[in-house]
Amino acid sequence: ELAGAVALVVPALSGVAALALTGLM
């Protein structure tokens, strides 16, 4: 969750982070 939160605000990783956190949800 913390890694996903950080990646959500990194422009290049934001879309992938959203997908990964969706899987976590």
PDB file of all heavy atoms in Angstrom:
ATOM      1  N   GLU A   1       0.823  -1.212   0.000  1.00  0.00           N
ATOM      2  CA  GLU A   1       0.000   0.000   0.000  1.00  0.00           C
ATOM      3  C   GLU A   1       0.855   1.259   0.000  1.00  0.00           C
ATOM      4  O   GLU A   1       0.565   2.220  -0.717  1.00  0.00           O
ATOM      5  CB  GLU A   1      -0.943   0.009   1.200  1.00  0.00           C
ATOM      6  CG  GLU A   1      -2.080  -0.970   1.086  1.00  0.00           C
ATOM      7  CD  GLU A   1      -2.961  -1.019   2.317  1.00  0.00           C
ATOM      8  OE1 GLU A   1      -2.528  -0.559   3.405  1.00  0.00           O
ATOM      9  OE2 GLU A   1      -4.090  -1.513   2.198  1.00  0.00           O
ATOM     10  N   LEU A   2       1.916   1.264   0.784  1.00  0.00           N
ATOM     11  CA  LEU A   2       2.804   2.426   0.825  1.00  0.00           C
ATOM     12  C   LEU A   2       3.527   2.620  -0.508  1.00  0.00           C
ATOM     13  O   LEU A   2       3.636   3.741  -1.016  1.00  0.00           O
ATOM     14  CB  LEU A   2       3.811   2.295   1.968  1.00  0.00           C
ATOM     15  CG  LEU A   2       4.724   3.497   2.181  1.00  0.00           C
ATOM     16  CD1 LEU A   2       3.908   4.750   2.512  1.00  0.00           C
ATOM     17  CD2 LEU A   2       5.714   3.209   3.303  1.00  0.00           C
ATOM     18  N   ALA A   3       3.993   1.534  -1.095  1.00  0.00           N
ATOM     19  CA  ALA A   3       4.651   1.625  -2.400  1.00  0.00           C
ATOM     20  C   ALA A   3       3.667   2.120  -3.462  1.00  0.00           C
ATOM     21  O   ALA A   3       4.012   2.962  -4.305  1.00  0.00           O
ATOM     22  CB  ALA A   3       5.224   0.268  -2.808  1.00  0.00           C
ATOM     23  N   GLY A   4       2.443   1.640  -3.419  1.00  0.00           N
ATOM     24  CA  GLY A   4       1.426   2.107  -4.356  1.00  0.00           C
ATOM     25  C   GLY A   4       1.094   3.574  -4.159  1.00  0.00           C
ATOM     26  O   GLY A   4       0.887   4.311  -5.119  1.00  0.00           O
ATOM     27  N   ALA A   5       1.066   4.020  -2.906  1.00  0.00           N
ATOM     28  CA  ALA A   5       0.789   5.432  -2.611  1.00  0.00           C
ATOM     29  C   ALA A   5       1.881   6.323  -3.185  1.00  0.00           C
ATOM     30  O   ALA A   5       1.597   7.360  -3.795  1.00  0.00           O
ATOM     31  CB  ALA A   5       0.671   5.638  -1.103  1.00  0.00           C
ATOM     32  N   VAL A   6       3.126   5.921  -3.016  1.00  0.00           N
ATOM     33  CA  VAL A   6       4.241   6.704  -3.557  1.00  0.00           C
ATOM     34  C   VAL A   6       4.187   6.698  -5.081  1.00  0.00           C
ATOM     35  O   VAL A   6       4.340   7.739  -5.735  1.00  0.00           O
ATOM     36  CB  VAL A   6       5.595   6.172  -3.043  1.00  0.00           C
ATOM     37  CG1 VAL A   6       6.756   6.814  -3.767  1.00  0.00           C
ATOM     38  CG2 VAL A   6       5.702   6.380  -1.535  1.00  0.00           C
ATOM     39  N   ALA A   7       3.937   5.540  -5.678  1.00  0.00           N
ATOM     40  CA  ALA A   7       3.908   5.427  -7.134  1.00  0.00           C
ATOM     41  C   ALA A   7       2.741   6.193  -7.751  1.00  0.00           C
ATOM     42  O   ALA A   7       2.825   6.625  -8.902  1.00  0.00           O
ATOM     43  CB  ALA A   7       3.858   3.959  -7.547  1.00  0.00           C
ATOM     44  N   LEU A   8       1.658   6.387  -7.010  1.00  0.00           N
ATOM     45  CA  LEU A   8       0.526   7.161  -7.525  1.00  0.00           C
ATOM     46  C   LEU A   8       0.903   8.600  -7.843  1.00  0.00           C
ATOM     47  O   LEU A   8       0.285   9.235  -8.698  1.00  0.00           O
ATOM     48  CB  LEU A   8      -0.637   7.164  -6.526  1.00  0.00           C
ATOM     49  CG  LEU A   8      -1.639   6.038  -6.615  1.00  0.00           C
ATOM     50  CD1 LEU A   8      -2.650   6.127  -5.485  1.00  0.00           C
ATOM     51  CD2 LEU A   8      -2.351   6.022  -7.954  1.00  0.00           C
ATOM     52  N   VAL A   9       1.895   9.131  -7.151  1.00  0.00           N
ATOM     53  CA  VAL A   9       2.285  10.525  -7.394  1.00  0.00           C
ATOM     54  C   VAL A   9       3.555  10.649  -8.242  1.00  0.00           C
ATOM     55  O   VAL A   9       4.051  11.746  -8.432  1.00  0.00           O
ATOM     56  CB  VAL A   9       2.427  11.319  -6.070  1.00  0.00           C
ATOM     57  CG1 VAL A   9       1.083  11.447  -5.380  1.00  0.00           C
ATOM     58  CG2 VAL A   9       3.437  10.688  -5.145  1.00  0.00           C
ATOM     59  N   VAL A  10       4.051   9.546  -8.748  1.00  0.00           N
ATOM     60  CA  VAL A  10       5.159   9.571  -9.705  1.00  0.00           C
ATOM     61  C   VAL A  10       4.526   9.490 -11.100  1.00  0.00           C
ATOM     62  O   VAL A  10       3.874   8.490 -11.419  1.00  0.00           O
ATOM     63  CB  VAL A  10       6.132   8.383  -9.489  1.00  0.00           C
ATOM     64  CG1 VAL A  10       7.196   8.347 -10.560  1.00  0.00           C
ATOM     65  CG2 VAL A  10       6.732   8.447  -8.099  1.00  0.00           C
ATOM     66  N   PRO A  11       4.669  10.543 -11.904  1.00  0.00           N
ATOM     67  CA  PRO A  11       3.951  10.592 -13.180  1.00  0.00           C
ATOM     68  C   PRO A  11       4.078   9.346 -14.054  1.00  0.00           C
ATOM     69  O   PRO A  11       3.076   8.850 -14.565  1.00  0.00           O
ATOM     70  CB  PRO A  11       4.546  11.822 -13.878  1.00  0.00           C
ATOM     71  CG  PRO A  11       4.954  12.708 -12.758  1.00  0.00           C
ATOM     72  CD  PRO A  11       5.450  11.765 -11.681  1.00  0.00           C
ATOM     73  N   ALA A  12       5.252   8.820 -14.224  1.00  0.00           N
ATOM     74  CA  ALA A  12       5.437   7.665 -15.106  1.00  0.00           C
ATOM     75  C   ALA A  12       4.808   6.387 -14.544  1.00  0.00           C
ATOM     76  O   ALA A  12       4.473   5.478 -15.293  1.00  0.00           O
ATOM     77  CB  ALA A  12       6.918   7.432 -15.364  1.00  0.00           C
ATOM     78  N   LEU A  13       4.636   6.306 -13.232  1.00  0.00           N
ATOM     79  CA  LEU A  13       4.134   5.088 -12.593  1.00  0.00           C
ATOM     80  C   LEU A  13       2.677   5.172 -12.161  1.00  0.00           C
ATOM     81  O   LEU A  13       2.123   4.190 -11.670  1.00  0.00           O
ATOM     82  CB  LEU A  13       4.987   4.772 -11.363  1.00  0.00           C
ATOM     83  CG  LEU A  13       6.473   4.537 -11.600  1.00  0.00           C
ATOM     84  CD1 LEU A  13       7.196   4.343 -10.278  1.00  0.00           C
ATOM     85  CD2 LEU A  13       6.676   3.350 -12.510  1.00  0.00           C
ATOM     86  N   SER A  14       2.038   6.314 -12.318  1.00  0.00           N
ATOM     87  CA  SER A  14       0.704   6.519 -11.753  1.00  0.00           C
ATOM     88  C   SER A  14      -0.347   5.548 -12.290  1.00  0.00           C
ATOM     89  O   SER A  14      -1.151   5.022 -11.528  1.00  0.00           O
ATOM     90  CB  SER A  14       0.248   7.961 -11.960  1.00  0.00           C
ATOM     91  OG  SER A  14       0.255   8.298 -13.333  1.00  0.00           O
ATOM     92  N   GLY A  15      -0.342   5.277 -13.575  1.00  0.00           N
ATOM     93  CA  GLY A  15      -1.323   4.352 -14.140  1.00  0.00           C
ATOM     94  C   GLY A  15      -1.110   2.924 -13.679  1.00  0.00           C
ATOM     95  O   GLY A  15      -2.057   2.220 -13.308  1.00  0.00           O
ATOM     96  N   VAL A  16       0.137   2.491 -13.662  1.00  0.00           N
ATOM     97  CA  VAL A  16       0.461   1.137 -13.208  1.00  0.00           C
ATOM     98  C   VAL A  16       0.153   0.990 -11.720  1.00  0.00           C
ATOM     99  O   VAL A  16      -0.360  -0.041 -11.278  1.00  0.00           O
ATOM    100  CB  VAL A  16       1.937   0.807 -13.506  1.00  0.00           C
ATOM    101  CG1 VAL A  16       2.345  -0.509 -12.906  1.00  0.00           C
ATOM    102  CG2 VAL A  16       2.175   0.804 -14.993  1.00  0.00           C
ATOM    103  N   ALA A  17       0.438   2.031 -10.940  1.00  0.00           N
ATOM    104  CA  ALA A  17       0.150   1.996  -9.504  1.00  0.00           C
ATOM    105  C   ALA A  17      -1.347   1.865  -9.260  1.00  0.00           C
ATOM    106  O   ALA A  17      -1.773   1.113  -8.377  1.00  0.00           O
ATOM    107  CB  ALA A  17       0.683   3.250  -8.821  1.00  0.00           C
ATOM    108  N   ALA A  18      -2.139   2.590 -10.045  1.00  0.00           N
ATOM    109  CA  ALA A  18      -3.592   2.496  -9.894  1.00  0.00           C
ATOM    110  C   ALA A  18      -4.076   1.084 -10.206  1.00  0.00           C
ATOM    111  O   ALA A  18      -4.937   0.538  -9.498  1.00  0.00           O
ATOM    112  CB  ALA A  18      -4.281   3.522 -10.787  1.00  0.00           C
ATOM    113  N   LEU A  19      -3.514   0.472 -11.241  1.00  0.00           N
ATOM    114  CA  LEU A  19      -3.892  -0.910 -11.571  1.00  0.00           C
ATOM    115  C   LEU A  19      -3.482  -1.882 -10.466  1.00  0.00           C
ATOM    116  O   LEU A  19      -4.251  -2.769 -10.092  1.00  0.00           O
ATOM    117  CB  LEU A  19      -3.258  -1.327 -12.896  1.00  0.00           C
ATOM    118  CG  LEU A  19      -3.814  -0.657 -14.149  1.00  0.00           C
ATOM    119  CD1 LEU A  19      -2.974  -1.021 -15.359  1.00  0.00           C
ATOM    120  CD2 LEU A  19      -5.264  -1.046 -14.364  1.00  0.00           C
ATOM    121  N   ALA A  20      -2.270  -1.726  -9.953  1.00  0.00           N
ATOM    122  CA  ALA A  20      -1.784  -2.623  -8.902  1.00  0.00           C
ATOM    123  C   ALA A  20      -2.617  -2.475  -7.629  1.00  0.00           C
ATOM    124  O   ALA A  20      -2.979  -3.472  -6.992  1.00  0.00           O
ATOM    125  CB  ALA A  20      -0.319  -2.336  -8.605  1.00  0.00           C
ATOM    126  N   LEU A  21      -2.942  -1.239  -7.260  1.00  0.00           N
ATOM    127  CA  LEU A  21      -3.763  -1.031  -6.063  1.00  0.00           C
ATOM    128  C   LEU A  21      -5.188  -1.526  -6.268  1.00  0.00           C
ATOM    129  O   LEU A  21      -5.838  -1.951  -5.310  1.00  0.00           O
ATOM    130  CB  LEU A  21      -3.745   0.446  -5.660  1.00  0.00           C
ATOM    131  CG  LEU A  21      -2.437   0.924  -5.031  1.00  0.00           C
ATOM    132  CD1 LEU A  21      -2.423   2.444  -4.905  1.00  0.00           C
ATOM    133  CD2 LEU A  21      -2.219   0.278  -3.672  1.00  0.00           C
ATOM    134  N   THR A  22      -5.671  -1.502  -7.501  1.00  0.00           N
ATOM    135  CA  THR A  22      -6.989  -2.083  -7.789  1.00  0.00           C
ATOM    136  C   THR A  22      -6.965  -3.581  -7.514  1.00  0.00           C
ATOM    137  O   THR A  22      -7.909  -4.142  -6.949  1.00  0.00           O
ATOM    138  CB  THR A  22      -7.401  -1.804  -9.252  1.00  0.00           C
ATOM    139  OG1 THR A  22      -7.434  -0.394  -9.448  1.00  0.00           O
ATOM    140  CG2 THR A  22      -8.772  -2.380  -9.555  1.00  0.00           C
ATOM    141  N   GLY A  23      -5.879  -4.233  -7.901  1.00  0.00           N
ATOM    142  CA  GLY A  23      -5.724  -5.664  -7.590  1.00  0.00           C
ATOM    143  C   GLY A  23      -5.674  -5.910  -6.098  1.00  0.00           C
ATOM    144  O   GLY A  23      -6.256  -6.876  -5.591  1.00  0.00           O
ATOM    145  N   LEU A  24      -5.009  -5.040  -5.368  1.00  0.00           N
ATOM    146  CA  LEU A  24      -4.956  -5.150  -3.907  1.00  0.00           C
ATOM    147  C   LEU A  24      -6.353  -4.984  -3.304  1.00  0.00           C
ATOM    148  O   LEU A  24      -6.717  -5.677  -2.358  1.00  0.00           O
ATOM    149  CB  LEU A  24      -3.991  -4.107  -3.353  1.00  0.00           C
ATOM    150  CG  LEU A  24      -3.413  -4.355  -1.967  1.00  0.00           C
ATOM    151  CD1 LEU A  24      -2.630  -5.651  -1.920  1.00  0.00           C
ATOM    152  CD2 LEU A  24      -2.530  -3.187  -1.565  1.00  0.00           C
ATOM    153  N   MET A  25      -7.144  -4.084  -3.890  1.00  0.00           N
ATOM    154  CA  MET A  25      -8.518  -3.879  -3.413  1.00  0.00           C
ATOM    155  C   MET A  25      -9.404  -5.085  -3.722  1.00  0.00           C
ATOM    156  O   MET A  25     -10.315  -5.411  -2.960  1.00  0.00           O
ATOM    157  CB  MET A  25      -9.127  -2.611  -4.014  1.00  0.00           C
ATOM    158  CG  MET A  25      -8.501  -1.328  -3.511  1.00  0.00           C
ATOM    159  SD  MET A  25      -8.706  -1.100  -1.729  1.00  0.00           S
ATOM    160  CE  MET A  25      -7.126  -1.671  -1.098  1.00  0.00           C
TER     161      MET A  25
END
